Amino acid sequence: MVLSGEVLPVPRHAGLSGSLESFAVRRPAVIAAALLGAVVLAGCNSEGVSSPTPNTVIGPAPKPTQLPIVPATKLKGDSKNGSSVFASAGCGSCHTLAAAKSTGTVGPNLDDLKPTYRTVTSQVTNGGHGMPSFKSTLKTQQIADVAAYVVDSTGGTAP
């Protein structure tokens, strides 16, 4: 009969060094060390390596979004008049354009962007991406003029 608190001697087994008690203590430590080693080895040489999952497109690939043709796109703008429209409409408060000596940083740098005539007429007319629409503020010809000015000043593509 075993009394509470009594420690029984642990028999030694042939071929084992130490007692079963020390084996029971070492076993979790060995398992923990093995798991830690596995985690460390799994992480070796994996920095910066990725396996991207491709997107599967069923049917034809989507077409890139085209800018709408607005009324100003069909007009021929006057770059000289566009200079005064750029200044009076406050375009330089948001955009950098060397020709206008403007250094706005809210909108894109037009010198770097070199937008097309169609892009400028569409963007000024409809706004978007943080830019307000000017179709109720500027006449269609003024939008065409400012587009011509921006394209001429930046070396963008004319219509």
Protein backbone atom coordinates (compact mmCIF):
# COMPACT_ATOMS: atom_id res chain seq x y z
CA MET A 1 0.00 0.00 0.00
CA VAL A 2 1.24 3.49 -0.86
CA LEU A 3 0.80 6.26 1.63
CA SER A 4 0.31 9.84 0.62
CA GLY A 5 3.60 11.66 0.14
CA GLU A 6 5.61 8.45 0.05
CA VAL A 7 8.18 8.27 -2.76
CA LEU A 8 8.73 4.88 -4.26
CA PRO A 9 12.13 3.96 -5.61
CA VAL A 10 12.27 3.77 -9.41
CA PRO A 11 13.85 0.55 -10.68
CA ARG A 12 16.73 0.72 -13.14
CA HIS A 13 16.31 -1.01 -16.47
CA ALA A 14 19.07 -2.69 -18.35
CA GLY A 15 20.47 -0.54 -21.12
CA LEU A 16 19.05 2.74 -19.79
CA SER A 17 21.22 5.22 -18.05
CA GLY A 18 19.52 7.07 -15.27
CA SER A 19 16.05 6.50 -13.93
CA LEU A 20 12.63 6.67 -15.55
CA GLU A 21 12.06 9.81 -13.54
CA SER A 22 14.91 11.65 -15.31
CA PHE A 23 13.70 10.26 -18.68
CA ALA A 24 10.23 11.70 -18.00
CA VAL A 25 11.79 15.10 -17.31
CA ARG A 26 14.08 15.00 -20.35
CA ARG A 27 11.40 13.89 -22.81
CA PRO A 28 9.50 17.26 -23.01
CA ALA A 29 12.83 19.10 -23.27
CA VAL A 30 13.93 16.89 -26.18
CA ILE A 31 10.57 17.36 -27.93
CA ALA A 32 10.72 21.14 -27.44
CA ALA A 33 14.29 21.28 -28.79
CA ALA A 34 13.32 19.19 -31.81
CA LEU A 35 10.33 21.44 -32.58
CA LEU A 36 12.44 24.57 -32.20
CA GLY A 37 15.06 23.11 -34.55
CA ALA A 38 12.39 22.26 -37.12
CA VAL A 39 11.00 25.82 -37.00
CA VAL A 40 14.47 27.33 -37.40
CA LEU A 41 15.31 25.05 -40.32
CA ALA A 42 11.99 25.77 -42.00
CA GLY A 43 12.79 29.49 -41.91
CA CYS A 44 16.28 29.18 -43.42
CA ASN A 45 16.73 30.70 -46.86
CA SER A 46 13.07 31.67 -47.13
CA GLU A 47 13.50 35.42 -46.83
CA GLY A 48 12.17 37.18 -49.91
CA VAL A 49 10.95 33.98 -51.53
CA SER A 50 7.30 33.84 -52.43
CA SER A 51 5.05 31.76 -54.59
CA PRO A 52 2.39 34.06 -56.00
CA THR A 53 -0.94 32.54 -56.86
CA PRO A 54 -1.97 33.51 -60.39
CA ASN A 55 -5.39 35.02 -60.98
CA THR A 56 -7.51 32.87 -63.20
CA VAL A 57 -9.49 34.80 -65.78
CA ILE A 58 -12.40 32.99 -67.34
CA GLY A 59 -13.35 34.42 -70.70
CA PRO A 60 -11.64 37.33 -72.41
CA ALA A 61 -9.30 39.49 -70.35
CA PRO A 62 -10.86 42.78 -69.21
CA LYS A 63 -10.07 45.76 -71.42
CA PRO A 64 -8.29 48.72 -69.86
CA THR A 65 -10.58 51.55 -68.91
CA GLN A 66 -10.82 54.12 -71.67
CA LEU A 67 -11.28 57.78 -70.96
CA PRO A 68 -14.60 59.11 -72.14
CA ILE A 69 -14.61 61.46 -75.09
CA VAL A 70 -15.95 64.74 -73.77
CA PRO A 71 -17.09 67.71 -75.89
CA ALA A 72 -13.79 69.55 -75.37
CA THR A 73 -11.88 66.61 -76.88
CA LYS A 74 -13.44 67.43 -80.25
CA LEU A 75 -12.35 71.08 -80.17
CA LYS A 76 -8.98 72.56 -81.03
CA GLY A 77 -7.57 74.29 -77.99
CA ASP A 78 -5.54 77.50 -78.00
CA SER A 79 -2.45 77.12 -75.83
CA LYS A 80 -2.06 80.89 -75.32
CA ASN A 81 -5.62 81.19 -73.97
CA GLY A 82 -5.03 78.01 -71.94
CA SER A 83 -2.25 79.72 -70.01
CA SER A 84 -4.68 82.29 -68.58
CA VAL A 85 -7.32 79.59 -67.92
CA PHE A 86 -4.71 77.53 -66.01
CA ALA A 87 -3.95 80.56 -63.84
CA SER A 88 -7.54 81.79 -63.31
CA ALA A 89 -8.96 78.32 -62.56
CA GLY A 90 -6.31 77.82 -59.88
CA CYS A 91 -4.77 74.73 -61.49
CA GLY A 92 -1.33 75.66 -60.18
CA SER A 93 -2.48 75.44 -56.56
CA CYS A 94 -2.67 71.65 -57.00
CA HIS A 95 -0.38 70.89 -59.95
CA THR A 96 3.27 71.50 -60.74
CA LEU A 97 3.77 72.90 -64.23
CA ALA A 98 7.08 74.60 -65.02
CA ALA A 99 5.60 76.72 -67.84
CA ALA A 100 3.11 78.24 -65.37
CA LYS A 101 5.75 78.51 -62.62
CA SER A 102 3.40 76.49 -60.39
CA THR A 103 4.56 74.06 -57.73
CA GLY A 104 1.37 72.50 -56.37
CA THR A 105 1.78 69.06 -54.85
CA VAL A 106 -1.82 67.96 -54.24
CA GLY A 107 -2.35 66.66 -57.78
CA PRO A 108 0.12 65.02 -60.15
CA ASN A 109 3.16 66.85 -61.44
CA LEU A 110 2.07 67.59 -65.01
CA ASP A 111 5.66 67.98 -66.24
CA ASP A 112 6.40 64.40 -65.18
CA LEU A 113 3.01 63.03 -66.26
CA LYS A 114 3.03 64.50 -69.79
CA PRO A 115 -0.70 63.81 -70.22
CA THR A 116 -2.44 63.46 -73.56
CA TYR A 117 -4.98 65.99 -74.81
CA ARG A 118 -7.77 63.46 -74.29
CA THR A 119 -6.63 62.78 -70.72
CA VAL A 120 -6.61 66.48 -69.80
CA THR A 121 -9.98 67.26 -71.39
CA SER A 122 -11.58 64.23 -69.72
CA GLN A 123 -10.02 64.87 -66.31
CA VAL A 124 -10.81 68.61 -66.26
CA THR A 125 -14.38 67.98 -67.45
CA ASN A 126 -15.25 65.03 -65.19
CA GLY A 127 -12.78 65.26 -62.34
CA GLY A 128 -11.93 62.13 -60.40
CA HIS A 129 -9.07 60.76 -58.31
CA GLY A 130 -9.38 63.70 -55.93
CA MET A 131 -9.77 66.37 -58.62
CA PRO A 132 -13.05 68.26 -58.86
CA SER A 133 -14.99 68.52 -62.11
CA PHE A 134 -14.75 71.86 -63.91
CA LYS A 135 -17.57 71.29 -66.42
CA SER A 136 -19.85 73.69 -64.54
CA THR A 137 -17.07 76.25 -63.95
CA LEU A 138 -15.30 76.37 -67.32
CA LYS A 139 -16.74 76.58 -70.81
CA THR A 140 -16.00 73.71 -73.20
CA GLN A 141 -13.58 75.90 -75.18
CA GLN A 142 -11.72 76.89 -72.00
CA ILE A 143 -11.25 73.20 -71.15
CA ALA A 144 -9.89 72.61 -74.66
CA ASP A 145 -7.58 75.63 -74.27
CA VAL A 146 -6.17 74.52 -70.91
CA ALA A 147 -5.66 71.01 -72.30
CA ALA A 148 -3.74 72.42 -75.27
CA TYR A 149 -1.62 74.51 -72.88
CA VAL A 150 -0.77 71.56 -70.65
CA VAL A 151 0.03 69.28 -73.59
CA ASP A 152 2.16 71.93 -75.34
CA SER A 153 3.98 72.80 -72.10
CA THR A 154 4.78 69.23 -71.11
CA GLY A 155 5.39 67.62 -74.49
CA GLY A 156 2.36 65.37 -74.10
CA THR A 157 0.47 63.96 -77.06
CA ALA A 158 -1.91 66.23 -78.93
CA PRO A 159 -5.19 64.94 -80.38
